[in-house]
N, C-alpha and C. Protein backbone atom coordinates (compact mmCIF):
# COMPACT_ATOMS: atom_id res chain seq x y z
N UNK A 1 -43.58 -39.70 -14.86
CA UNK A 1 -42.43 -39.91 -15.03
C UNK A 1 -41.69 -38.64 -15.36
N UNK A 2 -42.32 -37.89 -16.31
CA UNK A 2 -41.64 -36.73 -16.38
C UNK A 2 -41.71 -35.35 -15.25
N UNK A 3 -42.98 -35.37 -14.82
CA UNK A 3 -43.02 -34.86 -13.42
C UNK A 3 -42.57 -35.36 -12.46
N UNK A 4 -41.79 -36.67 -11.94
CA UNK A 4 -40.95 -36.91 -11.23
C UNK A 4 -39.83 -35.94 -11.21
N UNK A 5 -39.11 -36.52 -12.19
CA UNK A 5 -38.01 -35.97 -12.68
C UNK A 5 -37.94 -34.63 -12.79
N UNK A 6 -38.75 -33.92 -13.11
CA UNK A 6 -38.71 -32.33 -12.72
C UNK A 6 -39.36 -31.95 -11.19
N UNK A 7 -39.52 -32.49 -10.63
CA UNK A 7 -39.84 -32.54 -9.27
C UNK A 7 -38.27 -32.61 -8.41
N UNK A 8 -37.73 -33.48 -9.28
CA UNK A 8 -36.11 -33.99 -8.42
C UNK A 8 -34.71 -32.91 -8.90
N UNK A 9 -35.32 -32.28 -10.45
CA UNK A 9 -34.29 -31.75 -10.78
C UNK A 9 -34.23 -29.97 -10.36
N UNK A 10 -35.35 -29.81 -10.28
CA UNK A 10 -35.57 -28.58 -9.88
C UNK A 10 -34.77 -28.33 -8.15
N UNK A 11 -35.20 -29.06 -7.20
CA UNK A 11 -34.49 -28.97 -6.14
C UNK A 11 -33.08 -28.92 -6.15
N UNK A 12 -32.69 -29.77 -7.00
CA UNK A 12 -31.18 -30.17 -6.85
C UNK A 12 -30.39 -29.11 -7.65
N UNK A 13 -31.09 -28.23 -8.71
CA UNK A 13 -30.87 -26.93 -9.21
C UNK A 13 -30.91 -25.84 -8.29
N UNK A 14 -31.66 -25.61 -7.66
CA UNK A 14 -31.54 -24.67 -6.77
C UNK A 14 -30.80 -25.05 -5.23
N UNK A 15 -30.79 -26.36 -5.04
CA UNK A 15 -29.51 -26.29 -3.78
C UNK A 15 -28.22 -26.07 -4.67
N UNK A 16 -28.41 -26.37 -6.00
CA UNK A 16 -26.58 -26.29 -6.53
C UNK A 16 -26.52 -24.73 -6.46
N UNK A 17 -27.42 -24.02 -7.10
CA UNK A 17 -27.24 -22.48 -6.79
C UNK A 17 -27.29 -22.04 -5.29
N UNK A 18 -27.56 -22.34 -4.72
CA UNK A 18 -27.94 -22.18 -3.15
C UNK A 18 -26.23 -22.32 -2.81
N UNK A 19 -25.90 -23.52 -2.79
CA UNK A 19 -24.66 -23.44 -2.39
C UNK A 19 -23.30 -22.88 -2.98
N UNK A 20 -23.68 -22.78 -4.60
CA UNK A 20 -22.92 -21.77 -5.32
C UNK A 20 -22.71 -20.29 -4.97
N UNK A 21 -23.93 -19.61 -4.31
CA UNK A 21 -23.66 -18.44 -3.78
C UNK A 21 -23.26 -18.41 -2.54
N UNK A 22 -23.47 -19.63 -1.63
CA UNK A 22 -22.58 -19.53 -0.60
C UNK A 22 -21.26 -19.80 -0.83
N UNK A 23 -20.71 -20.48 -1.62
CA UNK A 23 -18.92 -20.51 -1.93
C UNK A 23 -18.71 -19.05 -2.31
N UNK A 24 -19.39 -18.46 -3.43
CA UNK A 24 -19.04 -16.85 -3.52
C UNK A 24 -18.48 -16.02 -2.33
N UNK A 25 -19.95 -16.20 -1.79
CA UNK A 25 -19.94 -15.09 -0.30
C UNK A 25 -18.99 -15.42 0.47
N UNK A 26 -18.42 -16.78 0.59
CA UNK A 26 -17.24 -16.87 1.35
C UNK A 26 -16.08 -16.80 0.76
N UNK A 27 -15.87 -16.86 -0.65
CA UNK A 27 -14.94 -16.03 -1.19
C UNK A 27 -14.27 -14.74 -0.94
N UNK A 28 -15.72 -14.18 -1.10
CA UNK A 28 -15.48 -12.47 -1.05
C UNK A 28 -15.12 -12.17 0.69
N UNK A 29 -15.74 -12.72 1.50
CA UNK A 29 -15.57 -12.63 3.00
C UNK A 29 -14.10 -12.79 2.86
N UNK A 30 -13.63 -13.77 2.60
CA UNK A 30 -12.27 -13.94 2.98
C UNK A 30 -11.06 -13.15 2.06
N UNK A 31 -11.47 -12.78 1.12
CA UNK A 31 -10.58 -11.87 0.02
C UNK A 31 -10.65 -10.19 0.86
N UNK A 32 -11.90 -9.76 1.23
CA UNK A 32 -12.12 -8.78 1.74
C UNK A 32 -11.09 -8.75 3.15
N UNK A 33 -11.20 -9.88 3.92
CA UNK A 33 -10.28 -9.69 5.18
C UNK A 33 -8.89 -10.18 5.11
N UNK A 34 -8.61 -10.87 3.81
CA UNK A 34 -7.25 -10.59 3.16
C UNK A 34 -6.63 -9.42 2.88
N UNK A 35 -7.32 -8.08 2.18
CA UNK A 35 -7.38 -6.98 1.81
C UNK A 35 -6.87 -5.89 3.13
N UNK A 36 -8.04 -6.46 4.16
CA UNK A 36 -7.98 -5.46 5.17
C UNK A 36 -6.97 -6.06 6.31
N UNK A 37 -6.37 -7.24 6.04
CA UNK A 37 -5.32 -7.36 7.08
C UNK A 37 -3.50 -7.09 6.58
N UNK A 38 -3.65 -7.15 5.03
CA UNK A 38 -2.71 -6.75 4.18
C UNK A 38 -2.49 -5.31 4.34
N UNK A 39 -3.59 -4.57 4.21
CA UNK A 39 -3.60 -2.80 4.65
C UNK A 39 -2.99 -2.55 5.99
N UNK A 40 -3.68 -3.48 7.07
CA UNK A 40 -3.43 -3.22 8.24
C UNK A 40 -1.71 -2.74 8.45
N UNK A 41 -1.16 -4.12 8.08
CA UNK A 41 0.39 -4.50 8.23
C UNK A 41 0.92 -3.11 7.10
N UNK A 42 0.44 -2.80 6.25
CA UNK A 42 1.19 -1.62 5.43
C UNK A 42 1.15 -0.24 6.63
N UNK A 43 -0.28 -0.04 6.89
CA UNK A 43 -0.58 0.99 7.88
C UNK A 43 0.42 0.93 8.83
N UNK A 44 0.65 -0.23 9.40
CA UNK A 44 1.72 -0.16 10.53
C UNK A 44 2.88 0.11 10.38
N UNK A 45 3.52 -0.44 9.20
CA UNK A 45 4.90 0.03 8.62
C UNK A 45 4.80 1.39 8.30
N UNK A 46 3.85 1.98 7.65
CA UNK A 46 3.86 3.49 7.33
C UNK A 46 3.98 4.20 8.67
N UNK A 47 3.29 3.86 9.71
CA UNK A 47 3.48 4.37 11.07
C UNK A 47 4.51 4.54 11.73
N UNK A 48 5.07 3.10 11.39
CA UNK A 48 6.75 3.05 11.97
C UNK A 48 7.69 4.16 11.20
N UNK A 49 7.71 4.30 9.80
CA UNK A 49 8.26 5.34 9.17
C UNK A 49 8.10 6.76 9.66
N UNK A 50 6.86 6.70 9.61
CA UNK A 50 6.45 8.19 9.95
C UNK A 50 7.21 8.81 11.55
N UNK A 51 7.01 7.69 12.27
CA UNK A 51 7.63 7.96 13.77
C UNK A 51 9.17 8.11 13.63
N UNK A 52 9.89 7.46 12.67
CA UNK A 52 11.43 7.90 12.76
C UNK A 52 11.75 9.08 12.01
N UNK A 53 10.79 9.55 11.23
CA UNK A 53 11.51 10.73 10.47
C UNK A 53 11.74 12.24 11.34
N UNK A 54 10.77 12.32 12.56
CA UNK A 54 11.17 13.42 13.20
C UNK A 54 12.49 13.17 13.96
N UNK A 55 13.17 11.94 14.36
CA UNK A 55 14.52 11.93 15.04
C UNK A 55 15.17 12.07 13.69
N UNK A 56 15.31 11.80 12.48
CA UNK A 56 16.00 11.69 11.21
C UNK A 56 15.99 13.24 11.18
N UNK A 57 15.14 14.14 11.28
CA UNK A 57 15.52 15.46 10.96
C UNK A 57 16.16 16.19 11.81
N UNK A 58 15.81 15.83 13.33
CA UNK A 58 16.32 16.54 14.65
C UNK A 58 17.94 15.92 14.33
N UNK A 59 18.17 14.95 13.89
CA UNK A 59 19.97 14.57 13.88
C UNK A 59 20.70 14.85 12.78
N UNK A 60 19.84 15.23 11.49
CA UNK A 60 20.25 16.24 10.79
C UNK A 60 20.42 17.66 11.39
N UNK A 61 19.54 18.22 12.08
CA UNK A 61 19.77 19.53 12.21
C UNK A 61 21.00 19.53 13.21
N UNK A 62 21.08 18.41 14.17
CA UNK A 62 21.82 18.37 15.23
C UNK A 62 23.34 18.13 14.66
N UNK A 63 23.44 17.54 13.38
CA UNK A 63 24.82 17.77 12.99
C UNK A 63 24.89 18.94 12.39
N UNK A 64 24.15 20.14 12.39
CA UNK A 64 24.66 21.02 11.68
C UNK A 64 24.76 21.14 10.13
N UNK A 65 24.21 20.02 9.76
CA UNK A 65 24.75 19.85 8.09
C UNK A 65 23.20 19.78 7.57
N UNK A 66 22.85 20.97 7.46
CA UNK A 66 21.24 20.72 6.82
C UNK A 66 20.70 21.73 5.81
N UNK A 67 19.88 22.09 4.98
CA UNK A 67 19.52 22.76 4.25
C UNK A 67 17.80 23.09 4.70
N UNK A 68 17.65 24.16 4.98
CA UNK A 68 16.09 24.07 5.73
C UNK A 68 15.30 23.87 4.73
N UNK A 69 15.33 24.21 3.55
CA UNK A 69 14.19 23.63 2.46
C UNK A 69 13.95 22.54 2.35
N UNK A 70 15.24 21.49 2.37
CA UNK A 70 15.10 19.76 2.28
C UNK A 70 14.41 19.88 3.38
N UNK A 71 14.67 19.93 4.82
CA UNK A 71 13.81 19.36 6.07
C UNK A 71 12.33 19.90 5.90
N UNK A 72 12.42 20.99 5.21
CA UNK A 72 10.91 21.62 5.52
C UNK A 72 9.85 20.77 4.40
N UNK A 73 10.40 20.40 3.51
CA UNK A 73 9.88 19.39 2.59
C UNK A 73 9.59 17.93 3.09
N UNK A 74 10.58 17.33 3.81
CA UNK A 74 10.21 16.49 4.69
C UNK A 74 9.56 16.48 5.42
N UNK A 75 9.27 17.28 6.34
CA UNK A 75 8.09 17.65 7.58
C UNK A 75 6.99 17.80 6.65
N UNK A 76 6.95 18.19 5.63
CA UNK A 76 5.55 18.75 5.09
C UNK A 76 5.11 17.60 4.41
N UNK A 77 5.94 16.89 3.66
CA UNK A 77 5.31 15.31 3.12
C UNK A 77 4.96 14.50 4.23
N UNK A 78 5.72 14.27 5.42
CA UNK A 78 5.15 13.42 6.38
C UNK A 78 3.71 13.79 6.72
N UNK A 79 3.89 14.99 6.95
CA UNK A 79 2.21 15.51 7.65
C UNK A 79 1.30 15.10 6.35
N UNK A 80 1.55 15.25 5.22
CA UNK A 80 0.75 15.36 4.08
C UNK A 80 0.28 13.52 4.00
N UNK A 81 1.51 12.55 4.17
CA UNK A 81 1.54 11.20 4.33
C UNK A 81 0.36 10.92 5.10
N UNK A 82 0.64 11.41 6.33
CA UNK A 82 -0.12 11.24 7.96
C UNK A 82 -1.68 11.40 7.48
N UNK A 83 -2.11 12.72 6.80
CA UNK A 83 -3.34 12.88 6.74
C UNK A 83 -4.11 11.94 5.75
N UNK A 84 -3.32 11.55 4.93
CA UNK A 84 -4.00 11.03 3.45
C UNK A 84 -4.70 9.58 4.44
N UNK A 85 -5.88 9.00 3.58
CA UNK A 85 -6.76 7.74 4.27
C UNK A 85 -6.76 6.62 3.02
N UNK A 86 -7.04 7.20 1.90
CA UNK A 86 -7.48 6.08 0.93
C UNK A 86 -6.05 5.67 0.46
N UNK A 87 -6.07 4.46 -0.37
CA UNK A 87 -4.88 3.81 -0.75
C UNK A 87 -4.23 4.91 -1.95
N UNK A 88 -5.16 5.28 -2.48
CA UNK A 88 -4.73 6.44 -3.73
C UNK A 88 -3.90 7.38 -3.04
N UNK A 89 -4.61 8.18 -2.19
CA UNK A 89 -4.08 9.22 -1.52
C UNK A 89 -2.91 9.09 -0.74
N UNK A 90 -3.00 7.58 -0.17
CA UNK A 90 -1.74 7.31 0.65
C UNK A 90 -0.46 7.13 -0.43
N UNK A 91 -0.68 6.24 -1.58
CA UNK A 91 0.28 6.26 -2.19
C UNK A 91 1.11 7.61 -3.27
N UNK A 92 0.21 8.43 -3.49
CA UNK A 92 0.86 9.80 -4.17
C UNK A 92 1.66 10.63 -2.66
N UNK A 93 0.86 10.29 -1.37
CA UNK A 93 1.73 11.34 -0.49
C UNK A 93 2.85 10.35 -0.14
N UNK A 94 2.67 9.23 0.15
CA UNK A 94 4.08 8.51 0.33
C UNK A 94 4.87 8.40 -0.65
N UNK A 95 4.96 8.78 -1.89
CA UNK A 95 5.83 8.56 -2.94
C UNK A 95 6.47 10.23 -2.87
N UNK A 96 5.44 11.29 -2.63
CA UNK A 96 6.27 12.61 -2.11
C UNK A 96 7.30 12.38 -1.05
N UNK A 97 6.40 11.63 -0.09
CA UNK A 97 7.97 11.83 1.33
C UNK A 97 8.98 10.80 0.65
N UNK A 98 8.60 10.01 0.00
CA UNK A 98 10.20 9.12 -0.36
C UNK A 98 11.14 9.83 -1.39
N UNK A 99 10.24 10.75 -2.01
CA UNK A 99 11.19 11.60 -2.84
C UNK A 99 11.81 12.73 -2.08
N UNK A 100 11.05 13.24 -0.95
CA UNK A 100 11.34 14.40 -0.07
C UNK A 100 13.03 13.74 0.93
N UNK A 101 12.48 12.30 1.11
CA UNK A 101 13.73 11.63 2.29
C UNK A 101 14.90 11.30 0.91
N UNK A 102 14.75 10.98 0.17
CA UNK A 102 15.99 10.77 -1.18
C UNK A 102 16.89 12.16 -0.96
N UNK A 103 16.14 12.99 -0.93
CA UNK A 103 17.00 14.52 -0.79
C UNK A 103 17.24 14.38 0.12
N UNK A 104 16.92 14.14 1.25
CA UNK A 104 17.68 14.31 2.73
C UNK A 104 18.67 13.69 2.68
N UNK A 105 18.24 12.10 1.84
CA UNK A 105 19.53 11.23 2.34
C UNK A 105 20.96 11.42 1.37
N UNK A 106 20.52 12.43 0.37
CA UNK A 106 21.33 12.83 -0.38
C UNK A 106 22.32 13.87 0.12
N UNK A 107 21.76 14.43 1.04
CA UNK A 107 22.64 15.50 1.81
C UNK A 107 24.00 15.07 2.46
N UNK A 108 23.84 13.29 2.72
CA UNK A 108 25.13 13.19 3.33
C UNK A 108 26.10 12.79 2.68
N UNK A 109 25.63 13.14 1.41
CA UNK A 109 27.13 13.02 0.27
C UNK A 109 28.10 14.31 0.31
N UNK A 110 26.84 15.73 0.70
CA UNK A 110 27.74 17.03 0.31
C UNK A 110 28.55 17.46 2.11
N UNK A 111 28.01 16.74 3.12
CA UNK A 111 28.26 16.60 4.37
C UNK A 111 29.02 15.89 5.02
N UNK A 112 30.24 15.79 4.92
CA UNK A 112 31.09 14.44 5.74
C UNK A 112 30.56 13.97 7.26
N UNK A 113 30.49 15.03 8.16
CA UNK A 113 30.05 14.93 9.42
C UNK A 113 28.73 14.23 9.48
N UNK A 114 27.98 14.48 8.65
CA UNK A 114 26.48 13.97 8.61
C UNK A 114 26.55 12.32 8.26
N UNK A 115 27.58 12.28 7.26
CA UNK A 115 27.73 10.79 6.84
C UNK A 115 28.28 10.09 7.71
N UNK A 116 28.84 10.51 8.92
CA UNK A 116 29.89 9.91 10.05
C UNK A 116 28.89 9.98 11.31
N UNK A 117 27.80 10.24 11.06
CA UNK A 117 27.28 10.17 12.31
C UNK A 117 26.47 9.32 12.42
N UNK A 118 26.88 8.21 13.54
CA UNK A 118 25.98 6.93 13.66
C UNK A 118 24.42 6.67 13.93
N UNK A 119 23.98 7.85 14.80
CA UNK A 119 22.73 8.27 14.86
C UNK A 119 22.21 8.23 13.48
N UNK A 120 22.47 9.07 12.43
CA UNK A 120 21.89 9.60 11.42
C UNK A 120 22.05 7.85 10.55
N UNK A 121 23.07 7.46 10.35
CA UNK A 121 23.22 6.26 9.54
C UNK A 121 22.38 4.89 10.00
N UNK A 122 22.22 4.68 11.60
CA UNK A 122 21.03 4.09 12.13
C UNK A 122 19.55 4.52 11.61
N UNK A 123 19.12 5.41 11.41
CA UNK A 123 17.92 5.85 11.11
C UNK A 123 17.70 5.51 9.81
N UNK A 124 18.94 6.22 8.83
CA UNK A 124 18.55 5.77 7.42
C UNK A 124 18.58 4.41 7.50
N UNK A 125 19.16 3.46 7.74
CA UNK A 125 19.03 2.31 7.45
C UNK A 125 17.76 1.56 7.94
N UNK A 126 17.01 2.12 8.95
CA UNK A 126 15.91 1.57 9.63
C UNK A 126 14.72 2.15 8.53
N UNK A 127 14.81 3.27 7.92
CA UNK A 127 14.05 3.59 7.18
C UNK A 127 13.91 3.08 5.87
N UNK A 128 15.19 2.65 5.39
CA UNK A 128 15.34 1.87 4.38
C UNK A 128 15.16 0.35 4.47
N UNK A 129 14.91 -0.01 5.72
CA UNK A 129 14.65 -1.55 5.75
C UNK A 129 12.78 -1.59 5.98
N UNK A 130 12.44 -0.67 6.43
CA UNK A 130 11.21 -0.54 6.43
C UNK A 130 10.48 -0.33 4.94
N UNK A 131 11.28 0.32 4.39
CA UNK A 131 10.55 0.86 2.75
C UNK A 131 10.47 -0.51 2.34
N UNK A 132 11.79 -1.61 2.44
CA UNK A 132 11.58 -2.22 1.74
C UNK A 132 10.52 -3.32 2.21
N UNK A 133 10.22 -3.59 3.78
CA UNK A 133 8.97 -4.17 3.91
C UNK A 133 7.63 -3.70 3.22
N UNK A 134 7.78 -2.36 3.35
CA UNK A 134 6.36 -1.69 2.94
C UNK A 134 6.30 -2.52 1.25
N UNK A 135 7.39 -2.16 0.35
CA UNK A 135 7.31 -2.45 -0.66
C UNK A 135 6.92 -4.13 -0.79
N UNK A 136 6.99 -5.25 -0.11
CA UNK A 136 6.75 -6.48 -0.11
C UNK A 136 5.65 -6.53 0.57
N UNK A 137 5.14 -5.80 1.52
CA UNK A 137 3.59 -5.98 1.54
C UNK A 137 2.44 -5.32 0.51
N UNK A 138 3.04 -4.40 0.26
CA UNK A 138 2.45 -3.60 -1.05
C UNK A 138 1.81 -4.82 -2.10
N UNK A 139 3.11 -5.37 -2.17
CA UNK A 139 2.85 -6.18 -3.37
C UNK A 139 1.45 -7.43 -2.73
N UNK A 140 1.76 -7.69 -1.91
CA UNK A 140 0.56 -8.80 -0.80
C UNK A 140 -0.76 -7.89 -1.13
N UNK A 141 -0.53 -6.79 -0.44
CA UNK A 141 -1.95 -5.96 -0.76
C UNK A 141 -2.43 -6.05 -2.05
N UNK A 142 -1.70 -5.61 -3.16
CA UNK A 142 -2.46 -5.51 -4.40
C UNK A 142 -2.66 -6.66 -4.86
N UNK A 143 -1.85 -7.81 -4.55
CA UNK A 143 -2.83 -9.21 -4.92
C UNK A 143 -3.83 -9.54 -4.54
N UNK A 144 -3.80 -9.27 -3.11
CA UNK A 144 -5.36 -9.57 -2.93
C UNK A 144 -6.53 -8.72 -3.21
N UNK A 145 -6.20 -7.28 -3.28
CA UNK A 145 -6.99 -6.61 -4.00
C UNK A 145 -7.30 -6.87 -5.51
N UNK A 146 -6.31 -7.37 -6.22
CA UNK A 146 -6.73 -7.88 -7.51
C UNK A 146 -7.51 -9.19 -7.45
N UNK A 147 -7.40 -9.83 -6.86
CA UNK A 147 -7.98 -11.14 -6.79
C UNK A 147 -9.57 -11.03 -6.26
N UNK A 148 -9.48 -9.93 -5.00
CA UNK A 148 -10.93 -9.74 -4.79
C UNK A 148 -11.55 -8.74 -6.09
N UNK A 149 -10.74 -7.83 -6.81
CA UNK A 149 -11.48 -7.37 -8.31
C UNK A 149 -11.95 -8.26 -9.06
N UNK A 150 -11.18 -9.36 -9.50
CA UNK A 150 -11.10 -9.98 -10.70
C UNK A 150 -12.61 -10.75 -9.99
N UNK A 151 -12.74 -11.29 -9.30
CA UNK A 151 -13.75 -12.26 -8.25
C UNK A 151 -15.28 -11.39 -8.50
N UNK A 152 -14.95 -9.90 -8.37
CA UNK A 152 -16.01 -8.88 -8.28
C UNK A 152 -16.61 -9.07 -10.19
N UNK A 153 -15.82 -8.88 -10.84
CA UNK A 153 -15.74 -8.69 -11.99
C UNK A 153 -16.48 -9.84 -13.07
N UNK A 154 -16.00 -11.10 -12.47
CA UNK A 154 -16.04 -12.23 -12.99
C UNK A 154 -17.48 -12.86 -13.11
N UNK A 155 -18.16 -13.44 -14.01
CA UNK A 155 -19.59 -13.93 -13.95
C UNK A 155 -19.17 -15.32 -13.60
N UNK A 156 -20.22 -16.29 -12.88
CA UNK A 156 -21.31 -15.56 -12.36
C UNK A 156 -21.10 -14.97 -10.40
N UNK A 157 -19.64 -14.82 -10.16
CA UNK A 157 -19.63 -14.00 -8.93
C UNK A 157 -20.15 -12.75 -8.79
N UNK A 158 -19.88 -12.15 -10.16
CA UNK A 158 -20.45 -10.50 -10.01
C UNK A 158 -21.96 -10.46 -9.47
N UNK A 159 -22.81 -11.09 -9.92
CA UNK A 159 -24.20 -11.46 -9.61
C UNK A 159 -24.11 -11.54 -7.86
N UNK A 160 -23.30 -12.36 -7.27
CA UNK A 160 -23.50 -12.55 -5.42
C UNK A 160 -22.74 -10.99 -5.21
N UNK A 161 -21.35 -10.10 -5.95
CA UNK A 161 -20.77 -9.19 -5.40
C UNK A 161 -22.25 -8.32 -5.21
N UNK A 162 -22.73 -8.28 -6.35
CA UNK A 162 -23.79 -6.78 -6.58
C UNK A 162 -25.14 -7.41 -5.58
N UNK A 163 -25.62 -8.70 -5.40
CA UNK A 163 -26.50 -8.83 -4.28
C UNK A 163 -25.82 -8.55 -2.79
N UNK A 164 -24.69 -8.63 -2.38
CA UNK A 164 -24.35 -8.34 -1.09
C UNK A 164 -23.00 -7.24 -0.92
N UNK A 165 -23.41 -6.34 -2.11
CA UNK A 165 -22.74 -5.05 -1.66
C UNK A 165 -21.34 -5.17 -1.68
N UNK A 166 -20.39 -6.11 -2.17
CA UNK A 166 -18.97 -6.39 -2.53
C UNK A 166 -18.27 -5.29 -3.70
N UNK A 167 -17.73 -4.34 -3.25
CA UNK A 167 -17.36 -3.33 -4.16
C UNK A 167 -15.40 -3.51 -4.54
N UNK A 168 -15.47 -2.92 -5.52
CA UNK A 168 -14.01 -2.88 -5.96
C UNK A 168 -13.09 -2.30 -5.14
N UNK A 169 -11.93 -2.40 -5.05
CA UNK A 169 -10.70 -1.77 -3.96
C UNK A 169 -9.90 -0.89 -5.10
N UNK A 170 -9.11 -0.09 -4.32
CA UNK A 170 -7.91 0.35 -5.16
C UNK A 170 -6.76 -0.25 -4.76
N UNK A 171 -5.59 -0.12 -5.56
CA UNK A 171 -4.32 -0.68 -5.54
C UNK A 171 -3.55 0.51 -4.95
N UNK A 172 -2.70 -0.10 -4.10
CA UNK A 172 -1.96 0.89 -3.76
C UNK A 172 -0.54 0.78 -4.14
N UNK A 173 -0.17 2.42 -4.86
CA UNK A 173 1.07 2.31 -5.49
C UNK A 173 1.67 3.57 -4.71
N UNK A 174 2.78 3.46 -4.68
CA UNK A 174 3.81 4.40 -4.24
C UNK A 174 4.22 5.67 -5.26
N UNK A 175 4.54 5.30 -6.34
CA UNK A 175 5.22 6.06 -7.16
C UNK A 175 4.23 6.77 -7.93
N UNK A 176 4.23 7.88 -8.58
CA UNK A 176 2.95 8.69 -9.22
C UNK A 176 3.56 8.12 -10.89
N UNK A 177 2.61 8.25 -11.42
CA UNK A 177 3.18 7.84 -13.16
C UNK A 177 4.03 9.19 -13.66
N UNK A 178 4.22 9.98 -13.17
CA UNK A 178 5.06 10.78 -13.85
C UNK A 178 6.51 10.36 -13.40
N UNK A 179 6.70 10.40 -12.26
CA UNK A 179 7.83 10.04 -11.39
C UNK A 179 8.15 8.92 -12.33
N UNK A 180 7.65 7.62 -12.66
CA UNK A 180 7.84 6.22 -12.94
C UNK A 180 8.40 6.21 -14.12
N UNK A 181 8.01 7.38 -15.41
CA UNK A 181 8.11 7.45 -16.35
C UNK A 181 9.77 8.26 -16.79
N UNK A 182 10.04 9.00 -15.99
CA UNK A 182 11.23 9.52 -15.68
C UNK A 182 12.53 8.84 -16.26
N UNK A 183 13.11 9.23 -17.12
CA UNK A 183 14.53 8.46 -17.47
C UNK A 183 15.92 9.26 -16.52
N UNK A 184 16.64 7.89 -16.05
CA UNK A 184 17.76 8.33 -15.17
C UNK A 184 18.59 8.95 -16.23
N UNK A 185 19.32 9.95 -15.83
CA UNK A 185 20.23 10.79 -16.63
C UNK A 185 21.89 10.06 -15.81
N UNK A 186 22.49 10.03 -16.72
CA UNK A 186 23.98 9.18 -16.43
C UNK A 186 24.76 10.31 -16.82
N UNK A 187 25.65 10.87 -15.99
CA UNK A 187 26.36 11.95 -16.17
C UNK A 187 28.24 11.01 -16.31
N UNK A 188 28.79 11.46 -17.19
CA UNK A 188 30.10 10.54 -17.27
C UNK A 188 31.12 12.03 -16.95
């Protein structure tokens, strides 16, 4: 009687473990693909933003209202952002590009001709819309990465992750910590 019970229990337990392994493996595959798709969406939006920047720089130059150092910073930041590969590197370089673009956009306040230039305003709005889209997609990407990383670190799924080589992934943050911690100064 005990032998029969053991012969029934052991295959049921082995089958249960096998089903659990398959379930966790499929969750990892799903999350890996969600992360990949979200990153691809971010990459497309960043490329669109990068493609708009030369037009913006030329528009500013064409309006005759520019400060050479500001334009050089934008061009250099764009080159750095395009060369970055990992989410951490892209985040740092895109943060620098965002800062350089803010400086460029601030020029319009000093140059009324630039502020009235329709092409400049159109490009500025397109870049701002892309930045909003990038921010939304960044949140989706980071949520997918967080879910994957939690699954990788949790028991018993961490065993399946190590068996099949699933690795933690980096979050994508656009701002550097030093920039985020700076307080805003209001002048009256």
